[in-house]
Amino acid sequence: MSPREDYAVVGRPGQGAATRSRIVRVAADLFAKRGFAGTAIDDIADASAVSKGTVYHYFSDKQELFGEVYACAWAQAGRALDEAHAPATLAAGVEAILGAAATNSAPLRALSAVADQALGATRRRYIERDFCATLLRRALSGDRPGCRDSQFVEVAMDLVADLIHDALRSAPEVGADADVIAWLVDGLSR
């Protein structure tokens, strides 16, 4: 079973959840392989063995579907961190995310490369920031001075989200990016 097969799809409960999940899984594969522009709703419908109308029943357009795929990819990264015993530090968490993205076990790198085109920078950043908030809460829950200041947390979430996004779009060199992120966050928290 591929890691994407366990996506926890957020959406309309009840009948059709399996169909909706299948559409999201198939779309994730196609978007990761072909990009946003290279993937048509017709392709997603055909590969999901549903009609185009069924895809539009669950998603108003391709952008909304990509948003769901991208949010699920980040949620999957979070579950991978949970399963690997939540990292003790922010740097370890970031390194784990970047390490997972450097392999083919998660479509984050491929999806991140087209997220601005598909969603726009604001929506893309919102999805990444939401994930980074969880990561930061885990990593900064200790007794570090300044870590509970809401302004610090806001700045740190933006910083970490942007740095992870940039690292996913660049070379798969994990250690240096994680070190830079840890250094910056440590500096902010003093």
Protein backbone atom coordinates (compact mmCIF):
# COMPACT_ATOMS: atom_id res chain seq x y z
CA MET A 1 0.00 0.00 0.00
CA SER A 2 1.46 3.37 -0.95
CA PRO A 3 1.57 6.13 1.70
CA ARG A 4 -0.99 8.16 -0.26
CA GLU A 5 -3.57 5.41 0.09
CA ASP A 6 -4.06 6.32 3.72
CA TYR A 7 -4.97 9.97 3.12
CA ALA A 8 -7.49 11.17 5.60
CA VAL A 9 -9.72 13.18 3.33
CA VAL A 10 -11.49 16.05 5.01
CA GLY A 11 -14.88 16.81 3.59
CA ARG A 12 -18.48 15.82 3.31
CA PRO A 13 -19.19 12.87 5.59
CA GLY A 14 -21.49 10.02 4.69
CA GLN A 15 -22.18 8.43 1.36
CA GLY A 16 -19.53 8.87 -1.28
CA ALA A 17 -16.57 9.22 1.09
CA ALA A 18 -14.77 6.31 -0.60
CA THR A 19 -15.32 7.84 -4.04
CA ARG A 20 -14.11 11.24 -2.86
CA SER A 21 -11.02 9.65 -1.28
CA ARG A 22 -10.26 7.75 -4.48
CA ILE A 23 -10.51 10.97 -6.52
CA VAL A 24 -8.11 12.73 -4.14
CA ARG A 25 -5.59 9.83 -4.20
CA VAL A 26 -5.66 9.62 -8.00
CA ALA A 27 -5.42 13.41 -8.34
CA ALA A 28 -2.41 13.42 -5.99
CA ASP A 29 -0.60 10.94 -8.22
CA LEU A 30 -1.47 12.81 -11.41
CA PHE A 31 -0.61 16.27 -10.04
CA ALA A 32 2.70 14.94 -8.68
CA LYS A 33 3.60 13.33 -12.02
CA ARG A 34 2.19 15.86 -14.51
CA GLY A 35 1.91 19.10 -12.56
CA PHE A 36 -1.16 21.27 -12.22
CA ALA A 37 -1.35 22.56 -15.78
CA GLY A 38 -0.63 19.10 -17.23
CA THR A 39 -3.51 17.44 -15.40
CA ALA A 40 -7.07 17.82 -16.62
CA ILE A 41 -10.25 17.03 -14.70
CA ASP A 42 -11.04 14.53 -17.50
CA ASP A 43 -7.76 12.71 -16.73
CA ILE A 44 -8.59 12.57 -13.02
CA ALA A 45 -12.12 11.32 -13.71
CA ASP A 46 -10.90 8.62 -16.12
CA ALA A 47 -8.16 7.40 -13.78
CA SER A 48 -10.62 7.42 -10.84
CA ALA A 49 -13.20 5.44 -12.84
CA VAL A 50 -15.85 8.12 -12.28
CA SER A 51 -17.57 10.63 -14.50
CA LYS A 52 -16.39 14.21 -14.81
CA GLY A 53 -19.69 15.20 -13.16
CA THR A 54 -18.81 13.09 -10.13
CA VAL A 55 -15.53 14.98 -9.73
CA TYR A 56 -17.45 18.27 -9.91
CA HIS A 57 -19.96 16.93 -7.38
CA TYR A 58 -17.17 16.85 -4.78
CA PHE A 59 -14.99 19.74 -5.99
CA SER A 60 -16.09 22.98 -7.61
CA ASP A 61 -12.99 23.17 -9.80
CA LYS A 62 -9.47 21.84 -10.31
CA GLN A 63 -8.03 24.44 -7.94
CA GLU A 64 -10.25 23.26 -5.07
CA LEU A 65 -9.26 19.65 -5.77
CA PHE A 66 -5.56 20.58 -5.79
CA GLY A 67 -6.06 22.40 -2.47
CA GLU A 68 -7.50 19.22 -0.96
CA VAL A 69 -4.63 17.16 -2.38
CA TYR A 70 -2.04 19.59 -1.02
CA ALA A 71 -3.66 19.73 2.43
CA CYS A 72 -3.79 15.92 2.50
CA ALA A 73 -0.11 15.69 1.56
CA TRP A 74 0.78 17.95 4.49
CA ALA A 75 -1.54 15.99 6.80
CA GLN A 76 0.22 12.81 5.68
CA ALA A 77 3.57 14.37 6.58
CA GLY A 78 2.15 15.13 10.02
CA ARG A 79 0.98 11.55 10.48
CA ALA A 80 4.43 10.32 9.44
CA LEU A 81 5.94 12.50 12.18
CA ASP A 82 3.44 11.12 14.70
CA GLU A 83 4.29 7.54 13.73
CA ALA A 84 8.01 8.24 13.96
CA HIS A 85 7.65 9.51 17.53
CA ALA A 86 7.23 13.26 17.33
CA PRO A 87 10.60 14.98 16.98
CA ALA A 88 11.91 16.62 20.13
CA THR A 89 13.10 19.75 18.37
CA LEU A 90 11.90 21.97 15.58
CA ALA A 91 15.04 21.22 13.57
CA ALA A 92 14.43 17.47 13.89
CA GLY A 93 10.83 17.92 12.74
CA VAL A 94 11.82 19.99 9.75
CA GLU A 95 14.58 17.54 8.89
CA ALA A 96 12.08 14.66 9.05
CA ILE A 97 9.68 16.47 6.70
CA LEU A 98 12.41 17.37 4.24
CA GLY A 99 13.79 13.84 4.43
CA ALA A 100 10.38 12.37 3.62
CA ALA A 101 9.99 14.79 0.73
CA ALA A 102 13.43 13.88 -0.61
CA THR A 103 12.22 10.32 -1.07
CA ASN A 104 9.34 9.25 -3.27
CA SER A 105 7.26 8.34 -0.21
CA ALA A 106 5.45 11.67 -0.22
CA PRO A 107 4.40 13.91 -3.12
CA LEU A 108 5.21 17.09 -1.18
CA ARG A 109 8.20 18.05 -3.29
CA ALA A 110 6.36 17.63 -6.60
CA LEU A 111 3.17 19.28 -5.34
CA SER A 112 5.06 22.13 -3.70
CA ALA A 113 6.70 22.96 -7.01
CA VAL A 114 3.32 23.82 -8.56
CA ALA A 115 1.39 24.97 -5.48
CA ASP A 116 1.73 28.70 -6.19
CA GLN A 117 0.51 28.20 -9.75
CA ALA A 118 -2.39 26.01 -8.63
CA LEU A 119 -3.51 27.82 -5.49
CA GLY A 120 -1.83 31.19 -5.42
CA ALA A 121 0.76 32.06 -2.81
CA THR A 122 -1.77 33.06 -0.15
CA ARG A 123 -3.75 29.80 -0.14
CA ARG A 124 -0.59 27.69 -0.49
CA ARG A 125 0.94 29.49 2.45
CA TYR A 126 -2.21 29.06 4.56
CA ILE A 127 -2.09 25.27 4.10
CA GLU A 128 1.63 25.08 4.91
CA ARG A 129 1.27 27.49 7.83
CA ASP A 130 -1.49 25.36 9.34
CA PHE A 131 0.81 22.35 9.32
CA CYS A 132 3.74 24.38 10.67
CA ALA A 133 1.58 25.60 13.57
CA THR A 134 1.22 22.00 14.72
CA LEU A 135 4.93 21.36 14.26
CA LEU A 136 5.82 24.50 16.21
CA ARG A 137 3.43 23.70 19.06
CA ARG A 138 5.18 20.36 19.48
CA ALA A 139 8.70 21.69 19.20
CA LEU A 140 8.25 24.83 21.25
CA SER A 141 6.18 23.42 24.09
CA GLY A 142 9.11 23.43 26.49
CA ASP A 143 10.18 26.12 28.91
CA ARG A 144 12.04 28.22 26.36
CA PRO A 145 11.74 31.96 27.04
CA GLY A 146 9.64 33.85 24.54
CA CYS A 147 8.12 30.77 22.93
CA ARG A 148 4.63 31.40 24.26
CA ASP A 149 4.47 34.98 23.00
CA SER A 150 1.78 35.03 20.30
CA GLN A 151 3.76 37.47 18.15
CA PHE A 152 6.76 35.12 18.24
CA VAL A 153 4.60 32.14 17.30
CA GLU A 154 3.06 34.07 14.37
CA VAL A 155 6.49 35.11 13.06
CA ALA A 156 7.90 31.61 13.59
CA MET A 157 4.98 29.94 11.76
CA ASP A 158 5.46 32.20 8.76
CA LEU A 159 9.21 31.72 8.79
CA VAL A 160 9.12 27.95 9.13
CA ALA A 161 6.39 27.56 6.50
CA ASP A 162 8.32 29.69 4.01
CA LEU A 163 11.62 27.95 4.69
CA ILE A 164 10.11 24.48 4.36
CA HIS A 165 8.38 25.51 1.13
CA ASP A 166 11.64 26.92 -0.28
CA ALA A 167 13.58 23.84 0.83
CA LEU A 168 11.05 21.54 -0.86
CA ARG A 169 11.42 23.48 -4.09
CA SER A 170 15.24 23.42 -4.01
CA ALA A 171 17.80 20.64 -3.96
CA PRO A 172 17.12 17.74 -1.62
CA GLU A 173 19.96 18.81 0.73
CA VAL A 174 18.19 18.33 4.06
CA GLY A 175 20.69 19.04 6.83
CA ALA A 176 21.62 22.60 5.91
CA ASP A 177 17.99 23.72 5.59
CA ALA A 178 17.02 22.20 8.94
CA ASP A 179 20.06 23.81 10.60
CA VAL A 180 19.20 27.24 9.18
CA ILE A 181 15.58 26.95 10.33
CA ALA A 182 16.62 25.86 13.83
CA TRP A 183 19.16 28.68 14.08
CA LEU A 184 16.60 31.30 13.02
CA VAL A 185 13.87 30.06 15.32
CA ASP A 186 16.30 29.78 18.23
CA GLY A 187 17.35 33.37 17.56
CA LEU A 188 13.77 34.57 17.49
CA SER A 189 12.93 32.90 20.77
CA ARG A 190 15.63 34.68 22.78
